[in-house]
């Protein structure tokens, strides 16, 4: 009886999540703020042009928002989630704040921070040469940031842990492999891959490991950076997957995707077809953007993304 009750609760939660995402619409601001999307794109394009790394930062910010209590801009609130160890090194808050200021100037308290971040992630990918997709809109902003950041996968995650973590967010294994391709841009700190390059993993190209040691000593230099995709660090392409075929994944959680595993064929497919990767990535990004959004009268439209309305 208890298990039946538990199942009922799970079904209701799933239905509620489906209903919430169904309320999202790509035309949500067409009347209330028709210049919103162009304003966001302009802000993102300028930021990425000034610093290509910012594209990866905004994409990561969106991912870290959605995986903790859904895509509700809770990660943008000062303190709380921002202070979690899993969120160390997050960047892009200032860019989102600047875009929010520009949007507020043309449409007062109309466009949510959650939507701005979701659109900014898409525009970041486009700015670095990646695919575009239609973003469903209408998310509202949370009034708290008390989510459990343990849902965020770590750099040492096993394949089983990655699959379970993504499935918990209604993202299947193909979605997980595709979203991991976000590591075709951006950088990671030495502390995240030190164990891998100093004998912790055997599935790493020896020359690749050696090349990384110069900037990542066995002790010290924790925050020293290396490109997640050393082949084309600032281009959103499918080189991440060809790197995996050569055992040149920077993180343990990257290389587990191609390690005599059930995901090997998906990696091969994305490595051989940029179009297949682009399509799968766009599909997965829309699904991720639909994780537990606040809609209707839930939450609020923040005036400033870093704090709740007073």
Protein backbone atom coordinates (compact mmCIF):
# COMPACT_ATOMS: atom_id res chain seq x y z
CA UNK A 1 0.00 0.00 0.00
CA UNK A 2 2.84 2.33 0.91
CA UNK A 3 4.58 1.64 -2.41
CA UNK A 4 1.32 2.33 -4.28
CA UNK A 5 1.01 5.63 -2.43
CA UNK A 6 4.62 6.50 -3.25
CA UNK A 7 3.99 5.70 -6.91
CA UNK A 8 0.93 7.97 -6.89
CA UNK A 9 3.03 10.82 -5.51
CA UNK A 10 5.68 10.26 -8.19
CA UNK A 11 3.03 10.27 -10.90
CA UNK A 12 1.53 13.50 -9.55
CA UNK A 13 4.97 15.14 -9.44
CA UNK A 14 5.65 14.04 -13.01
CA UNK A 15 2.27 15.36 -14.16
CA UNK A 16 2.85 18.68 -12.39
CA UNK A 17 6.25 19.06 -14.06
CA UNK A 18 4.72 18.25 -17.44
CA UNK A 19 1.91 20.76 -16.88
CA UNK A 20 4.39 23.47 -15.89
CA UNK A 21 6.57 22.97 -18.95
CA UNK A 22 3.43 22.89 -21.11
CA UNK A 23 2.70 26.46 -19.98
CA UNK A 24 5.96 27.63 -21.52
CA UNK A 25 5.73 29.14 -24.99
CA UNK A 26 8.28 30.50 -27.45
CA UNK A 27 5.95 33.46 -28.09
CA UNK A 28 5.48 34.34 -24.40
CA UNK A 29 7.01 37.84 -24.72
CA UNK A 30 5.91 38.62 -28.28
CA UNK A 31 3.37 41.17 -27.05
CA UNK A 32 4.57 42.08 -23.55
CA UNK A 33 8.25 42.60 -24.48
CA UNK A 34 8.88 42.10 -28.20
CA UNK A 35 12.50 43.32 -28.01
CA UNK A 36 13.46 40.99 -25.15
CA UNK A 37 15.18 38.27 -27.18
CA UNK A 38 17.12 40.73 -29.35
CA UNK A 39 18.29 42.57 -26.24
CA UNK A 40 19.48 39.36 -24.60
CA UNK A 41 21.27 38.25 -27.76
CA UNK A 42 23.01 41.59 -28.12
CA UNK A 43 24.29 41.43 -24.53
CA UNK A 44 25.52 37.86 -24.90
CA UNK A 45 27.19 38.49 -28.25
CA UNK A 46 29.08 41.47 -26.85
CA UNK A 47 30.20 39.55 -23.74
CA UNK A 48 31.39 36.50 -25.70
CA UNK A 49 33.12 38.67 -28.29
CA UNK A 50 35.01 40.39 -25.47
CA UNK A 51 35.84 37.11 -23.71
CA UNK A 52 35.11 33.81 -25.53
CA UNK A 53 35.26 31.92 -22.23
CA UNK A 54 32.09 33.72 -21.17
CA UNK A 55 30.07 31.57 -23.58
CA UNK A 56 30.96 28.44 -21.62
CA UNK A 57 30.40 30.28 -18.34
CA UNK A 58 26.82 31.26 -19.22
CA UNK A 59 26.04 27.76 -20.49
CA UNK A 60 27.40 26.25 -17.26
CA UNK A 61 25.43 28.77 -15.18
CA UNK A 62 22.19 27.61 -16.84
CA UNK A 63 23.05 23.95 -16.27
CA UNK A 64 23.83 24.55 -12.61
CA UNK A 65 20.58 26.46 -12.22
CA UNK A 66 18.36 23.80 -13.78
CA UNK A 67 19.88 20.85 -11.93
CA UNK A 68 19.10 22.38 -8.53
CA UNK A 69 15.36 22.88 -7.93
CA UNK A 70 14.70 23.45 -11.62
CA UNK A 71 15.30 26.38 -13.97
CA UNK A 72 14.24 29.13 -11.58
CA UNK A 73 17.28 31.47 -11.47
CA UNK A 74 17.98 30.44 -7.87
CA UNK A 75 21.68 30.16 -8.72
CA UNK A 76 21.71 33.89 -9.46
CA UNK A 77 20.72 34.86 -5.90
CA UNK A 78 23.67 36.04 -3.83
CA UNK A 79 24.89 33.48 -1.30
CA UNK A 80 23.25 30.10 -0.73
CA UNK A 81 23.73 27.97 -3.88
CA UNK A 82 26.53 30.23 -5.10
CA UNK A 83 28.58 29.30 -2.03
CA UNK A 84 28.28 25.53 -2.57
CA UNK A 85 31.52 23.77 -3.46
CA UNK A 86 29.89 22.34 -6.60
CA UNK A 87 29.40 25.91 -7.82
CA UNK A 88 32.98 27.02 -7.25
CA UNK A 89 34.27 28.97 -10.21
CA UNK A 90 30.88 29.91 -11.64
CA UNK A 91 31.13 33.06 -13.76
CA UNK A 92 28.76 35.21 -15.77
CA UNK A 93 26.65 36.74 -13.00
CA UNK A 94 27.66 40.24 -14.04
CA UNK A 95 26.75 39.59 -17.67
CA UNK A 96 23.26 38.41 -16.69
CA UNK A 97 22.86 41.41 -14.36
CA UNK A 98 23.80 43.79 -17.18
CA UNK A 99 21.36 42.15 -19.59
CA UNK A 100 18.62 42.26 -16.95
CA UNK A 101 19.22 46.01 -16.51
CA UNK A 102 18.87 46.53 -20.27
CA UNK A 103 15.70 44.44 -20.42
CA UNK A 104 14.19 46.24 -17.42
CA UNK A 105 14.79 49.56 -19.19
CA UNK A 106 12.48 48.53 -22.04
CA UNK A 107 10.02 46.25 -20.19
CA UNK A 108 9.60 46.84 -16.46
CA UNK A 109 9.29 43.64 -14.38
CA UNK A 110 8.19 41.54 -17.34
CA UNK A 111 11.03 39.20 -18.32
CA UNK A 112 12.28 36.77 -15.68
CA UNK A 113 15.90 36.17 -14.81
CA UNK A 114 15.24 32.45 -15.37
CA UNK A 115 14.24 33.13 -18.97
CA UNK A 116 17.13 35.53 -19.52
CA UNK A 117 19.59 32.86 -18.37
CA UNK A 118 17.95 30.16 -20.51
CA UNK A 119 18.06 32.32 -23.63
CA UNK A 120 21.59 33.50 -22.83
CA UNK A 121 22.77 29.88 -22.74
CA UNK A 122 21.36 29.31 -26.24
CA UNK A 123 22.82 32.56 -27.56
CA UNK A 124 26.22 31.68 -26.08
CA UNK A 125 26.30 28.43 -28.03
CA UNK A 126 25.32 30.25 -31.22
CA UNK A 127 27.97 32.95 -30.64
CA UNK A 128 30.66 30.25 -30.58
CA UNK A 129 29.47 28.59 -33.78
CA UNK A 130 27.05 26.04 -32.35
CA UNK A 131 23.44 25.22 -33.20
CA UNK A 132 20.40 27.32 -32.40
CA UNK A 133 17.01 26.18 -31.13
CA UNK A 134 13.67 27.66 -30.16
CA UNK A 135 13.50 28.39 -26.42
CA UNK A 136 10.14 27.93 -24.68
CA UNK A 137 9.58 30.92 -22.38
CA UNK A 138 7.46 31.93 -19.42
CA UNK A 139 9.57 30.78 -16.46
CA UNK A 140 9.35 32.77 -13.25
CA UNK A 141 12.01 33.40 -10.62
CA UNK A 142 12.33 31.64 -7.29
CA UNK A 143 12.17 33.56 -4.03
CA UNK A 144 14.65 31.25 -2.30
CA UNK A 145 17.89 29.42 -3.09
CA UNK A 146 17.92 26.43 -0.80
CA UNK A 147 18.24 23.65 -3.35
CA UNK A 148 20.41 20.58 -2.87
CA UNK A 149 23.51 21.09 -5.00
CA UNK A 150 24.43 17.42 -4.56
CA UNK A 151 22.34 16.79 -7.69
CA UNK A 152 25.12 18.41 -9.72
CA UNK A 153 27.42 15.74 -11.22
CA UNK A 154 31.07 16.00 -10.25
CA UNK A 155 34.23 15.64 -12.34
CA UNK A 156 34.94 12.20 -10.87
CA UNK A 157 31.45 10.80 -11.53
CA UNK A 158 31.13 7.26 -12.87
CA UNK A 159 28.98 6.51 -15.90
CA UNK A 160 26.34 4.88 -13.70
CA UNK A 161 26.22 7.95 -11.46
CA UNK A 162 25.90 10.27 -14.46
CA UNK A 163 23.10 8.20 -15.97
CA UNK A 164 21.18 8.07 -12.69
CA UNK A 165 21.65 11.79 -12.03
CA UNK A 166 20.41 12.82 -15.45
CA UNK A 167 17.54 10.34 -15.40
CA UNK A 168 16.42 11.92 -12.13
CA UNK A 169 15.94 15.11 -14.16
CA UNK A 170 14.03 13.26 -16.92
CA UNK A 171 17.07 13.29 -19.21
CA UNK A 172 17.97 9.99 -20.85
CA UNK A 173 21.42 8.64 -21.64
CA UNK A 174 21.56 10.18 -25.13
CA UNK A 175 20.60 13.53 -23.59
CA UNK A 176 23.38 13.07 -21.03
CA UNK A 177 26.03 12.30 -23.64
CA UNK A 178 24.85 15.24 -25.78
CA UNK A 179 24.83 17.71 -22.87
CA UNK A 180 28.31 16.53 -21.87
CA UNK A 181 29.34 17.89 -25.27
CA UNK A 182 29.02 21.35 -23.72
CA UNK A 183 32.60 20.58 -22.68
CA UNK A 184 33.60 21.35 -26.25
CA UNK A 185 34.07 24.87 -24.83
CA UNK A 186 35.31 26.18 -21.50
CA UNK A 187 38.04 25.31 -19.05
CA UNK A 188 38.44 23.32 -15.87
CA UNK A 189 40.63 23.76 -12.82
CA UNK A 190 43.62 21.51 -12.12
CA UNK A 191 42.04 20.13 -8.95
CA UNK A 192 39.31 18.58 -11.10
CA UNK A 193 41.65 16.49 -13.26
CA UNK A 194 44.85 16.11 -11.20
CA UNK A 195 44.06 12.57 -10.07
CA UNK A 196 43.30 11.55 -13.66
CA UNK A 197 46.62 12.72 -15.08
CA UNK A 198 48.79 11.40 -12.24
CA UNK A 199 47.91 7.72 -12.50
CA UNK A 200 44.36 7.71 -11.18
CA UNK A 201 43.02 6.68 -14.59
CA UNK A 202 44.48 4.28 -17.12
CA UNK A 203 42.18 5.36 -19.95
CA UNK A 204 44.13 8.51 -20.78
CA UNK A 205 46.48 9.23 -23.67
CA UNK A 206 49.99 9.33 -22.18
CA UNK A 207 51.21 12.30 -24.22
CA UNK A 208 48.02 14.19 -23.39
CA UNK A 209 48.51 13.55 -19.66
CA UNK A 210 52.12 14.69 -19.85
CA UNK A 211 51.16 17.92 -21.62
CA UNK A 212 48.75 18.77 -18.81
CA UNK A 213 51.25 18.22 -15.99
CA UNK A 214 53.26 21.32 -16.86
CA UNK A 215 50.40 23.55 -15.66
CA UNK A 216 48.94 21.14 -13.11
CA UNK A 217 51.57 20.01 -10.59
CA UNK A 218 50.94 17.21 -8.12
CA UNK A 219 50.60 19.77 -5.36
CA UNK A 220 49.64 23.42 -5.63
CA UNK A 221 48.16 25.19 -8.62
CA UNK A 222 44.65 23.95 -7.85
CA UNK A 223 43.02 26.79 -9.79
CA UNK A 224 45.29 26.53 -12.86
CA UNK A 225 43.14 26.07 -15.95
CA UNK A 226 43.14 23.69 -18.90
CA UNK A 227 40.80 23.64 -21.89
CA UNK A 228 38.09 20.98 -21.72
CA UNK A 229 38.57 20.61 -25.49
CA UNK A 230 42.21 21.24 -26.32
CA UNK A 231 41.56 20.82 -30.05
CA UNK A 232 39.18 23.77 -30.62
CA UNK A 233 38.84 25.41 -27.21
CA UNK A 234 36.61 28.33 -28.24
CA UNK A 235 34.54 26.69 -30.97
CA UNK A 236 31.29 24.89 -30.26
CA UNK A 237 31.76 21.78 -32.39
CA UNK A 238 31.95 17.99 -32.04
CA UNK A 239 35.72 17.83 -31.37
CA UNK A 240 34.97 16.89 -27.75
CA UNK A 241 33.84 13.47 -28.97
CA UNK A 242 36.78 12.89 -31.30
CA UNK A 243 39.01 13.69 -28.31
CA UNK A 244 37.26 10.96 -26.32
CA UNK A 245 37.97 8.45 -29.09
CA UNK A 246 41.67 9.21 -28.54
CA UNK A 247 41.39 9.02 -24.72
CA UNK A 248 41.88 12.77 -24.47
CA UNK A 249 38.92 13.59 -22.25
CA UNK A 250 40.08 16.09 -19.64
CA UNK A 251 37.85 14.91 -16.80
CA UNK A 252 37.21 11.40 -15.55
CA UNK A 253 33.50 12.10 -16.09
CA UNK A 254 34.25 12.92 -19.73
CA UNK A 255 36.24 9.80 -20.60
CA UNK A 256 33.78 7.40 -18.92
CA UNK A 257 31.47 8.13 -21.87
CA UNK A 258 33.89 6.25 -24.11
CA UNK A 259 35.43 3.43 -22.12
CA UNK A 260 34.04 0.13 -23.45
CA UNK A 261 30.66 1.34 -22.22
CA UNK A 262 27.05 1.39 -23.39
CA UNK A 263 27.57 5.01 -24.46
CA UNK A 264 30.47 4.25 -26.82
CA UNK A 265 28.28 4.10 -29.94
CA UNK A 266 26.63 7.43 -29.15
CA UNK A 267 30.06 9.03 -28.76
CA UNK A 268 31.16 7.51 -32.09
CA UNK A 269 28.00 8.83 -33.75
CA UNK A 270 28.54 12.37 -32.45
CA UNK A 271 32.24 12.25 -33.36
CA UNK A 272 31.47 11.30 -36.94
CA UNK A 273 28.47 13.59 -37.42
CA UNK A 274 28.42 17.20 -36.25
CA UNK A 275 24.80 17.37 -37.39
CA UNK A 276 23.79 14.43 -35.20
CA UNK A 277 25.44 16.07 -32.18
CA UNK A 278 23.90 19.48 -32.88
CA UNK A 279 20.42 18.01 -33.19
CA UNK A 280 20.74 15.91 -30.03
CA UNK A 281 22.25 18.82 -28.08
CA UNK A 282 19.44 21.20 -29.06
CA UNK A 283 16.81 18.62 -28.09
CA UNK A 284 18.48 17.97 -24.74
CA UNK A 285 18.84 21.69 -23.98
CA UNK A 286 15.11 22.24 -24.46
CA UNK A 287 14.39 19.29 -22.18
CA UNK A 288 16.81 20.59 -19.56
CA UNK A 289 15.28 24.06 -19.78
CA UNK A 290 11.92 22.48 -18.94
CA UNK A 291 13.07 21.05 -15.60
CA UNK A 292 10.56 22.13 -12.94
CA UNK A 293 9.95 25.71 -14.10
CA UNK A 294 7.90 28.08 -11.99
CA UNK A 295 5.00 29.38 -14.08
CA UNK A 296 1.74 31.28 -13.78
CA UNK A 297 1.61 32.96 -10.37
CA UNK A 298 4.43 30.91 -8.85
CA UNK A 299 7.53 32.76 -7.72
CA UNK A 300 8.05 36.29 -8.98
CA UNK A 301 9.69 38.38 -11.71
CA UNK A 302 12.76 39.73 -9.94
CA UNK A 303 13.74 43.34 -10.50
CA UNK A 304 17.36 42.40 -9.86
CA UNK A 305 18.60 38.86 -10.56
CA UNK A 306 20.86 38.73 -7.50
CA UNK A 307 18.14 39.39 -4.91
CA UNK A 308 14.45 38.77 -4.34
CA UNK A 309 12.05 41.69 -4.56
CA UNK A 310 11.60 43.59 -1.30
